[in-house]
PDB file of N, CA and C in Angstrom:
ATOM      1  N   MET A   1      -9.438   1.469  -2.401  1.00  0.00           N
ATOM      2  CA  MET A   1      -8.228   1.766  -1.670  1.00  0.00           C
ATOM      3  C   MET A   1      -8.177   3.248  -1.294  1.00  0.00           C
ATOM      4  N   SER A   2      -8.636   4.121  -2.182  1.00  0.00           N
ATOM      5  CA  SER A   2      -8.589   5.550  -1.864  1.00  0.00           C
ATOM      6  C   SER A   2      -9.570   5.907  -0.754  1.00  0.00           C
ATOM      7  N   VAL A   3     -10.648   5.127  -0.614  1.00  0.00           N
ATOM      8  CA  VAL A   3     -11.598   5.367   0.475  1.00  0.00           C
ATOM      9  C   VAL A   3     -10.914   5.111   1.816  1.00  0.00           C
ATOM     10  N   ILE A   4     -10.129   4.052   1.884  1.00  0.00           N
ATOM     11  CA  ILE A   4      -9.397   3.739   3.115  1.00  0.00           C
ATOM     12  C   ILE A   4      -8.377   4.835   3.410  1.00  0.00           C
ATOM     13  N   ALA A   5      -7.722   5.329   2.382  1.00  0.00           N
ATOM     14  CA  ALA A   5      -6.737   6.397   2.581  1.00  0.00           C
ATOM     15  C   ALA A   5      -7.397   7.641   3.170  1.00  0.00           C
ATOM     16  N   VAL A   6      -8.581   7.970   2.684  1.00  0.00           N
ATOM     17  CA  VAL A   6      -9.305   9.129   3.215  1.00  0.00           C
ATOM     18  C   VAL A   6      -9.695   8.882   4.670  1.00  0.00           C
ATOM     19  N   GLU A   7     -10.137   7.669   4.992  1.00  0.00           N
ATOM     20  CA  GLU A   7     -10.487   7.336   6.377  1.00  0.00           C
ATOM     21  C   GLU A   7      -9.271   7.481   7.292  1.00  0.00           C
ATOM     22  N   LEU A   8      -8.127   7.005   6.837  1.00  0.00           N
ATOM     23  CA  LEU A   8      -6.911   7.089   7.651  1.00  0.00           C
ATOM     24  C   LEU A   8      -6.455   8.535   7.836  1.00  0.00           C
ATOM     25  N   LEU A   9      -6.570   9.338   6.793  1.00  0.00           N
ATOM     26  CA  LEU A   9      -6.228  10.751   6.931  1.00  0.00           C
ATOM     27  C   LEU A   9      -7.180  11.440   7.905  1.00  0.00           C
ATOM     28  N   HIS A  10      -8.452  11.044   7.864  1.00  0.00           N
ATOM     29  CA  HIS A  10      -9.436  11.590   8.801  1.00  0.00           C
ATOM     30  C   HIS A  10      -9.085  11.194  10.239  1.00  0.00           C
ATOM     31  N   LEU A  11      -8.704   9.931  10.437  1.00  0.00           N
ATOM     32  CA  LEU A  11      -8.285   9.474  11.769  1.00  0.00           C
ATOM     33  C   LEU A  11      -7.093  10.284  12.272  1.00  0.00           C
ATOM     34  N   THR A  12      -6.115  10.468  11.407  1.00  0.00           N
ATOM     35  CA  THR A  12      -4.913  11.214  11.774  1.00  0.00           C
ATOM     36  C   THR A  12      -5.260  12.658  12.125  1.00  0.00           C
ATOM     37  N   TYR A  13      -6.130  13.254  11.329  1.00  0.00           N
ATOM     38  CA  TYR A  13      -6.544  14.639  11.575  1.00  0.00           C
ATOM     39  C   TYR A  13      -7.252  14.769  12.923  1.00  0.00           C
ATOM     40  N   LEU A  14      -8.209  13.870  13.190  1.00  0.00           N
ATOM     41  CA  LEU A  14      -8.932  13.928  14.462  1.00  0.00           C
ATOM     42  C   LEU A  14      -8.011  13.641  15.643  1.00  0.00           C
ATOM     43  N   HIS A  15      -7.047  12.756  15.444  1.00  0.00           N
ATOM     44  CA  HIS A  15      -6.087  12.449  16.512  1.00  0.00           C
ATOM     45  C   HIS A  15      -5.300  13.695  16.905  1.00  0.00           C
ATOM     46  N   ARG A  16      -5.018  14.541  15.935  1.00  0.00           N
ATOM     47  CA  ARG A  16      -4.239  15.749  16.207  1.00  0.00           C
ATOM     48  C   ARG A  16      -5.094  16.925  16.660  1.00  0.00           C
ATOM     49  N   THR A  17      -6.343  17.008  16.177  1.00  0.00           N
ATOM     50  CA  THR A  17      -7.162  18.184  16.472  1.00  0.00           C
ATOM     51  C   THR A  17      -8.189  17.966  17.578  1.00  0.00           C
ATOM     52  N   GLN A  18      -8.719  16.741  17.707  1.00  0.00           N
ATOM     53  CA  GLN A  18      -9.747  16.456  18.713  1.00  0.00           C
ATOM     54  C   GLN A  18      -9.438  15.144  19.434  1.00  0.00           C
ATOM     55  N   PRO A  19      -8.312  15.058  20.106  1.00  0.00           N
ATOM     56  CA  PRO A  19      -7.924  13.778  20.713  1.00  0.00           C
ATOM     57  C   PRO A  19      -8.844  13.310  21.837  1.00  0.00           C
ATOM     58  N   LEU A  20      -9.608  14.210  22.433  1.00  0.00           N
ATOM     59  CA  LEU A  20     -10.472  13.830  23.550  1.00  0.00           C
ATOM     60  C   LEU A  20     -11.912  13.543  23.133  1.00  0.00           C
ATOM     61  N   ALA A  21     -12.189  13.586  21.835  1.00  0.00           N
ATOM     62  CA  ALA A  21     -13.536  13.260  21.346  1.00  0.00           C
ATOM     63  C   ALA A  21     -13.806  11.774  21.579  1.00  0.00           C
ATOM     64  N   PRO A  22     -15.078  11.383  21.701  1.00  0.00           N
ATOM     65  CA  PRO A  22     -15.399   9.962  21.916  1.00  0.00           C
ATOM     66  C   PRO A  22     -14.968   9.095  20.731  1.00  0.00           C
ATOM     67  N   ALA A  23     -14.453   7.929  21.033  1.00  0.00           N
ATOM     68  CA  ALA A  23     -13.960   7.021  19.991  1.00  0.00           C
ATOM     69  C   ALA A  23     -15.079   6.518  19.091  1.00  0.00           C
ATOM     70  N   ILE A  24     -16.311   6.509  19.580  1.00  0.00           N
ATOM     71  CA  ILE A  24     -17.432   6.019  18.779  1.00  0.00           C
ATOM     72  C   ILE A  24     -17.666   6.904  17.550  1.00  0.00           C
ATOM     73  N   GLU A  25     -17.095   8.103  17.543  1.00  0.00           N
ATOM     74  CA  GLU A  25     -17.228   8.988  16.385  1.00  0.00           C
ATOM     75  C   GLU A  25     -16.419   8.501  15.186  1.00  0.00           C
ATOM     76  N   ILE A  26     -15.403   7.685  15.425  1.00  0.00           N
ATOM     77  CA  ILE A  26     -14.552   7.251  14.311  1.00  0.00           C
ATOM     78  C   ILE A  26     -14.596   5.747  14.067  1.00  0.00           C
ATOM     79  N   LEU A  27     -15.110   4.982  15.021  1.00  0.00           N
ATOM     80  CA  LEU A  27     -15.146   3.526  14.881  1.00  0.00           C
ATOM     81  C   LEU A  27     -16.551   3.013  15.150  1.00  0.00           C
ATOM     82  N   ASN A  28     -16.889   1.901  14.519  1.00  0.00           N
ATOM     83  CA  ASN A  28     -18.192   1.300  14.798  1.00  0.00           C
ATOM     84  C   ASN A  28     -18.091   0.447  16.067  1.00  0.00           C
ATOM     85  N   PRO A  29     -19.232   0.026  16.626  1.00  0.00           N
ATOM     86  CA  PRO A  29     -19.199  -0.725  17.887  1.00  0.00           C
ATOM     87  C   PRO A  29     -18.378  -2.018  17.834  1.00  0.00           C
ATOM     88  N   LEU A  30     -18.392  -2.730  16.711  1.00  0.00           N
ATOM     89  CA  LEU A  30     -17.605  -3.958  16.604  1.00  0.00           C
ATOM     90  C   LEU A  30     -16.110  -3.655  16.645  1.00  0.00           C
ATOM     91  N   GLU A  31     -15.686  -2.627  15.920  1.00  0.00           N
ATOM     92  CA  GLU A  31     -14.273  -2.245  15.936  1.00  0.00           C
ATOM     93  C   GLU A  31     -13.833  -1.856  17.348  1.00  0.00           C
ATOM     94  N   LEU A  32     -14.683  -1.129  18.054  1.00  0.00           N
ATOM     95  CA  LEU A  32     -14.358  -0.762  19.437  1.00  0.00           C
ATOM     96  C   LEU A  32     -14.255  -1.985  20.329  1.00  0.00           C
ATOM     97  N   LYS A  33     -15.175  -2.931  20.147  1.00  0.00           N
ATOM     98  CA  LYS A  33     -15.162  -4.148  20.966  1.00  0.00           C
ATOM     99  C   LYS A  33     -13.860  -4.921  20.754  1.00  0.00           C
ATOM    100  N   ILE A  34     -13.429  -5.020  19.504  1.00  0.00           N
ATOM    101  CA  ILE A  34     -12.200  -5.754  19.191  1.00  0.00           C
ATOM    102  C   ILE A  34     -10.975  -5.021  19.742  1.00  0.00           C
ATOM    103  N   LEU A  35     -10.938  -3.710  19.589  1.00  0.00           N
ATOM    104  CA  LEU A  35      -9.802  -2.957  20.130  1.00  0.00           C
ATOM    105  C   LEU A  35      -9.742  -3.065  21.648  1.00  0.00           C
ATOM    106  N   LYS A  36     -10.899  -3.065  22.304  1.00  0.00           N
ATOM    107  CA  LYS A  36     -10.910  -3.227  23.765  1.00  0.00           C
ATOM    108  C   LYS A  36     -10.384  -4.603  24.152  1.00  0.00           C
ATOM    109  N   ALA A  37     -10.737  -5.625  23.366  1.00  0.00           N
ATOM    110  CA  ALA A  37     -10.267  -6.982  23.666  1.00  0.00           C
ATOM    111  C   ALA A  37      -8.764  -7.118  23.440  1.00  0.00           C
ATOM    112  N   LYS A  38      -8.214  -6.383  22.490  1.00  0.00           N
ATOM    113  CA  LYS A  38      -6.788  -6.483  22.160  1.00  0.00           C
ATOM    114  C   LYS A  38      -5.907  -5.552  22.995  1.00  0.00           C
ATOM    115  N   SER A  39      -6.505  -4.627  23.728  1.00  0.00           N
ATOM    116  CA  SER A  39      -5.724  -3.644  24.483  1.00  0.00           C
ATOM    117  C   SER A  39      -5.355  -4.175  25.859  1.00  0.00           C
ATOM    118  N   PRO A  40      -4.102  -3.997  26.256  1.00  0.00           N
ATOM    119  CA  PRO A  40      -3.666  -4.492  27.565  1.00  0.00           C
ATOM    120  C   PRO A  40      -4.285  -3.719  28.728  1.00  0.00           C
ATOM    121  N   LYS A  41      -4.491  -2.423  28.550  1.00  0.00           N
ATOM    122  CA  LYS A  41      -5.118  -1.619  29.602  1.00  0.00           C
ATOM    123  C   LYS A  41      -6.065  -0.617  28.949  1.00  0.00           C
ATOM    124  N   LEU A  42      -7.228  -0.476  29.562  1.00  0.00           N
ATOM    125  CA  LEU A  42      -8.248   0.405  29.007  1.00  0.00           C
ATOM    126  C   LEU A  42      -8.356   1.683  29.832  1.00  0.00           C
ATOM    127  N   PRO A  43      -8.505   2.816  29.149  1.00  0.00           N
ATOM    128  CA  PRO A  43      -8.758   4.053  29.891  1.00  0.00           C
ATOM    129  C   PRO A  43     -10.216   4.082  30.362  1.00  0.00           C
ATOM    130  N   LYS A  44     -10.520   4.991  31.256  1.00  0.00           N
ATOM    131  CA  LYS A  44     -11.900   5.108  31.733  1.00  0.00           C
ATOM    132  C   LYS A  44     -12.827   5.588  30.626  1.00  0.00           C
ATOM    133  N   VAL A  45     -12.331   6.491  29.795  1.00  0.00           N
ATOM    134  CA  VAL A  45     -13.105   7.030  28.677  1.00  0.00           C
ATOM    135  C   VAL A  45     -12.377   6.670  27.387  1.00  0.00           C
ATOM    136  N   LEU A  46     -13.106   6.070  26.452  1.00  0.00           N
ATOM    137  CA  LEU A  46     -12.505   5.696  25.170  1.00  0.00           C
ATOM    138  C   LEU A  46     -12.527   6.910  24.244  1.00  0.00           C
ATOM    139  N   THR A  47     -11.351   7.447  23.985  1.00  0.00           N
ATOM    140  CA  THR A  47     -11.233   8.665  23.186  1.00  0.00           C
ATOM    141  C   THR A  47     -10.670   8.360  21.801  1.00  0.00           C
ATOM    142  N   VAL A  48     -10.711   9.361  20.942  1.00  0.00           N
ATOM    143  CA  VAL A  48     -10.121   9.246  19.612  1.00  0.00           C
ATOM    144  C   VAL A  48      -8.630   8.947  19.732  1.00  0.00           C
ATOM    145  N   SER A  49      -7.972   9.611  20.650  1.00  0.00           N
ATOM    146  CA  SER A  49      -6.539   9.390  20.848  1.00  0.00           C
ATOM    147  C   SER A  49      -6.254   7.935  21.193  1.00  0.00           C
ATOM    148  N   TRP A  50      -7.009   7.378  22.134  1.00  0.00           N
ATOM    149  CA  TRP A  50      -6.825   5.976  22.514  1.00  0.00           C
ATOM    150  C   TRP A  50      -7.081   5.060  21.315  1.00  0.00           C
ATOM    151  N   ALA A  51      -8.146   5.322  20.562  1.00  0.00           N
ATOM    152  CA  ALA A  51      -8.509   4.457  19.440  1.00  0.00           C
ATOM    153  C   ALA A  51      -7.434   4.464  18.357  1.00  0.00           C
ATOM    154  N   VAL A  52      -6.942   5.633  18.010  1.00  0.00           N
ATOM    155  CA  VAL A  52      -5.911   5.721  16.971  1.00  0.00           C
ATOM    156  C   VAL A  52      -4.630   5.033  17.442  1.00  0.00           C
ATOM    157  N   GLU A  53      -4.269   5.221  18.697  1.00  0.00           N
ATOM    158  CA  GLU A  53      -3.071   4.560  19.220  1.00  0.00           C
ATOM    159  C   GLU A  53      -3.257   3.046  19.283  1.00  0.00           C
ATOM    160  N   ALA A  54      -4.466   2.583  19.580  1.00  0.00           N
ATOM    161  CA  ALA A  54      -4.734   1.141  19.608  1.00  0.00           C
ATOM    162  C   ALA A  54      -4.631   0.547  18.204  1.00  0.00           C
ATOM    163  N   VAL A  55      -5.155   1.253  17.209  1.00  0.00           N
ATOM    164  CA  VAL A  55      -5.035   0.788  15.817  1.00  0.00           C
ATOM    165  C   VAL A  55      -3.563   0.781  15.415  1.00  0.00           C
ATOM    166  N   ALA A  56      -2.834   1.811  15.796  1.00  0.00           N
ATOM    167  CA  ALA A  56      -1.404   1.882  15.461  1.00  0.00           C
ATOM    168  C   ALA A  56      -0.627   0.740  16.110  1.00  0.00           C
ATOM    169  N   ARG A  57      -0.984   0.380  17.353  1.00  0.00           N
ATOM    170  CA  ARG A  57      -0.309  -0.753  18.005  1.00  0.00           C
ATOM    171  C   ARG A  57      -0.545  -2.036  17.220  1.00  0.00           C
ATOM    172  N   LEU A  58      -1.737  -2.209  16.661  1.00  0.00           N
ATOM    173  CA  LEU A  58      -1.991  -3.391  15.824  1.00  0.00           C
ATOM    174  C   LEU A  58      -1.068  -3.405  14.608  1.00  0.00           C
ATOM    175  N   GLY A  59      -0.703  -2.212  14.138  1.00  0.00           N
ATOM    176  CA  GLY A  59       0.166  -2.100  12.974  1.00  0.00           C
ATOM    177  C   GLY A  59       1.646  -2.113  13.291  1.00  0.00           C
ATOM    178  N   GLY A  60       1.996  -2.239  14.576  1.00  0.00           N
ATOM    179  CA  GLY A  60       3.400  -2.324  14.949  1.00  0.00           C
ATOM    180  C   GLY A  60       3.985  -1.066  15.559  1.00  0.00           C
ATOM    181  N   TYR A  61       3.150  -0.118  15.941  1.00  0.00           N
ATOM    182  CA  TYR A  61       3.639   1.118  16.565  1.00  0.00           C
ATOM    183  C   TYR A  61       4.307   0.807  17.896  1.00  0.00           C
ATOM    184  N   LEU A  62       5.475   1.382  18.113  1.00  0.00           N
ATOM    185  CA  LEU A  62       6.225   1.164  19.346  1.00  0.00           C
ATOM    186  C   LEU A  62       5.918   2.293  20.319  1.00  0.00           C
ATOM    187  N   GLU A  63       5.207   1.967  21.375  1.00  0.00           N
ATOM    188  CA  GLU A  63       4.766   2.988  22.328  1.00  0.00           C
ATOM    189  C   GLU A  63       5.909   3.647  23.080  1.00  0.00           C
ATOM    190  N   HIS A  64       6.977   2.926  23.306  1.00  0.00           N
ATOM    191  CA  HIS A  64       8.063   3.497  24.097  1.00  0.00           C
ATOM    192  C   HIS A  64       8.754   4.654  23.378  1.00  0.00           C
ATOM    193  N   ARG A  65       8.450   4.823  22.115  1.00  0.00           N
ATOM    194  CA  ARG A  65       9.013   5.946  21.367  1.00  0.00           C
ATOM    195  C   ARG A  65       7.952   7.044  21.281  1.00  0.00           C
ATOM    196  N   SER A  66       7.578   7.581  22.418  1.00  0.00           N
ATOM    197  CA  SER A  66       6.446   8.507  22.493  1.00  0.00           C
ATOM    198  C   SER A  66       6.670   9.824  21.751  1.00  0.00           C
ATOM    199  N   LYS A  67       7.893  10.170  21.491  1.00  0.00           N
ATOM    200  CA  LYS A  67       8.170  11.420  20.778  1.00  0.00           C
ATOM    201  C   LYS A  67       7.876  11.306  19.280  1.00  0.00           C
ATOM    202  N   THR A  68       7.836  10.091  18.765  1.00  0.00           N
ATOM    203  CA  THR A  68       7.600   9.920  17.336  1.00  0.00           C
ATOM    204  C   THR A  68       6.102   9.878  17.061  1.00  0.00           C
ATOM    205  N   PRO A  69       5.644  10.645  16.074  1.00  0.00           N
ATOM    206  CA  PRO A  69       4.221  10.609  15.740  1.00  0.00           C
ATOM    207  C   PRO A  69       3.865   9.291  15.050  1.00  0.00           C
ATOM    208  N   ILE A  70       2.599   8.974  15.078  1.00  0.00           N
ATOM    209  CA  ILE A  70       2.118   7.753  14.429  1.00  0.00           C
ATOM    210  C   ILE A  70       2.138   7.984  12.922  1.00  0.00           C
ATOM    211  N   GLY A  71       2.828   7.117  12.207  1.00  0.00           N
ATOM    212  CA  GLY A  71       2.938   7.251  10.763  1.00  0.00           C
ATOM    213  C   GLY A  71       1.768   6.616  10.031  1.00  0.00           C
ATOM    214  N   ILE A  72       1.579   7.030   8.810  1.00  0.00           N
ATOM    215  CA  ILE A  72       0.442   6.560   8.024  1.00  0.00           C
ATOM    216  C   ILE A  72       0.596   5.085   7.654  1.00  0.00           C
ATOM    217  N   GLN A  73       1.834   4.600   7.458  1.00  0.00           N
ATOM    218  CA  GLN A  73       2.023   3.187   7.121  1.00  0.00           C
ATOM    219  C   GLN A  73       1.676   2.282   8.290  1.00  0.00           C
ATOM    220  N   VAL A  74       2.055   2.674   9.486  1.00  0.00           N
ATOM    221  CA  VAL A  74       1.717   1.891  10.679  1.00  0.00           C
ATOM    222  C   VAL A  74       0.207   1.894  10.875  1.00  0.00           C
ATOM    223  N   LEU A  75      -0.406   3.052  10.676  1.00  0.00           N
ATOM    224  CA  LEU A  75      -1.857   3.151  10.806  1.00  0.00           C
ATOM    225  C   LEU A  75      -2.551   2.293   9.747  1.00  0.00           C
ATOM    226  N   TRP A  76      -2.011   2.278   8.541  1.00  0.00           N
ATOM    227  CA  TRP A  76      -2.556   1.461   7.455  1.00  0.00           C
ATOM    228  C   TRP A  76      -2.512  -0.026   7.825  1.00  0.00           C
ATOM    229  N   ARG A  77      -1.355  -0.482   8.289  1.00  0.00           N
ATOM    230  CA  ARG A  77      -1.236  -1.896   8.674  1.00  0.00           C
ATOM    231  C   ARG A  77      -2.185  -2.243   9.816  1.00  0.00           C
ATOM    232  N   GLY A  78      -2.291  -1.361  10.792  1.00  0.00           N
ATOM    233  CA  GLY A  78      -3.201  -1.595  11.904  1.00  0.00           C
ATOM    234  C   GLY A  78      -4.653  -1.613  11.467  1.00  0.00           C
ATOM    235  N   TRP A  79      -5.013  -0.716  10.554  1.00  0.00           N
ATOM    236  CA  TRP A  79      -6.385  -0.646  10.043  1.00  0.00           C
ATOM    237  C   TRP A  79      -6.742  -1.936   9.306  1.00  0.00           C
ATOM    238  N   LEU A  80      -5.815  -2.425   8.479  1.00  0.00           N
ATOM    239  CA  LEU A  80      -6.063  -3.677   7.757  1.00  0.00           C
ATOM    240  C   LEU A  80      -6.202  -4.846   8.722  1.00  0.00           C
ATOM    241  N   LYS A  81      -5.357  -4.893   9.746  1.00  0.00           N
ATOM    242  CA  LYS A  81      -5.444  -5.973  10.731  1.00  0.00           C
ATOM    243  C   LYS A  81      -6.749  -5.884  11.516  1.00  0.00           C
ATOM    244  N   LEU A  82      -7.156  -4.677  11.876  1.00  0.00           N
ATOM    245  CA  LEU A  82      -8.420  -4.495  12.590  1.00  0.00           C
ATOM    246  C   LEU A  82      -9.583  -5.009  11.754  1.00  0.00           C
ATOM    247  N   HIS A  83      -9.580  -4.723  10.473  1.00  0.00           N
ATOM    248  CA  HIS A  83     -10.677  -5.181   9.623  1.00  0.00           C
ATOM    249  C   HIS A  83     -10.622  -6.689   9.385  1.00  0.00           C
ATOM    250  N   ASP A  84      -9.435  -7.266   9.368  1.00  0.00           N
ATOM    251  CA  ASP A  84      -9.334  -8.728   9.317  1.00  0.00           C
ATOM    252  C   ASP A  84      -9.918  -9.349  10.585  1.00  0.00           C
ATOM    253  N   LEU A  85      -9.619  -8.748  11.728  1.00  0.00           N
ATOM    254  CA  LEU A  85     -10.167  -9.240  12.994  1.00  0.00           C
ATOM    255  C   LEU A  85     -11.690  -9.093  13.029  1.00  0.00           C
ATOM    256  N   CYS A  86     -12.200  -7.995  12.492  1.00  0.00           N
ATOM    257  CA  CYS A  86     -13.658  -7.793  12.429  1.00  0.00           C
ATOM    258  C   CYS A  86     -14.312  -8.860  11.557  1.00  0.00           C
ATOM    259  N   GLU A  87     -13.694  -9.144  10.427  1.00  0.00           N
ATOM    260  CA  GLU A  87     -14.234 -10.166   9.532  1.00  0.00           C
ATOM    261  C   GLU A  87     -14.214 -11.536  10.204  1.00  0.00           C
ATOM    262  N   GLY A  88     -13.129 -11.865  10.882  1.00  0.00           N
ATOM    263  CA  GLY A  88     -13.051 -13.132  11.605  1.00  0.00           C
ATOM    264  C   GLY A  88     -14.092 -13.219  12.705  1.00  0.00           C
ATOM    265  N   TRP A  89     -14.316 -12.123  13.414  1.00  0.00           N
ATOM    266  CA  TRP A  89     -15.318 -12.075  14.481  1.00  0.00           C
ATOM    267  C   TRP A  89     -16.704 -12.355  13.909  1.00  0.00           C
ATOM    268  N   GLN A  90     -17.013 -11.714  12.780  1.00  0.00           N
ATOM    269  CA  GLN A  90     -18.329 -11.899  12.166  1.00  0.00           C
ATOM    270  C   GLN A  90     -18.499 -13.317  11.634  1.00  0.00           C
ATOM    271  N   LEU A  91     -17.445 -13.882  11.056  1.00  0.00           N
ATOM    272  CA  LEU A  91     -17.524 -15.259  10.569  1.00  0.00           C
ATOM    273  C   LEU A  91     -17.712 -16.239  11.721  1.00  0.00           C
ATOM    274  N   ALA A  92     -17.008 -16.029  12.812  1.00  0.00           N
ATOM    275  CA  ALA A  92     -17.146 -16.913  13.972  1.00  0.00           C
ATOM    276  C   ALA A  92     -18.536 -16.792  14.589  1.00  0.00           C
ATOM    277  N   LYS A  93     -19.090 -15.613  14.544  1.00  0.00           N
ATOM    278  CA  LYS A  93     -20.418 -15.383  15.115  1.00  0.00           C
ATOM    279  C   LYS A  93     -21.504 -16.082  14.294  1.00  0.00           C
ATOM    280  N   GLU A  94     -21.289 -16.205  12.983  1.00  0.00           N
ATOM    281  CA  GLU A  94     -22.278 -16.837  12.100  1.00  0.00           C
ATOM    282  C   GLU A  94     -22.332 -18.347  12.276  1.00  0.00           C
ATOM    283  N   THR A  95     -21.239 -18.962  12.698  1.00  0.00           N
ATOM    284  CA  THR A  95     -21.224 -20.425  12.808  1.00  0.00           C
ATOM    285  C   THR A  95     -21.583 -20.905  14.183  1.00  0.00           C
TER     286      THR A  95
END
């Protein structure tokens, strides 16, 4: 559990300090594929900012409240849902 907490803090840090960095720096190709499939609109370049916001949307982040920063609990819920989706994708691929 503490490993996930460190990953989430790292995501939050990169979202604030390097939002234009490539998303592949923080997510593996499967996670990116799933986030692209779940996103209603894709930017031309997949950045850290887009990836963190996409994970937060999975956790229930409300985009219309743009002034509010993404909280760690929303990011946690989104991260868990993303990994559940990754596991389901891999299980479906095996059968």
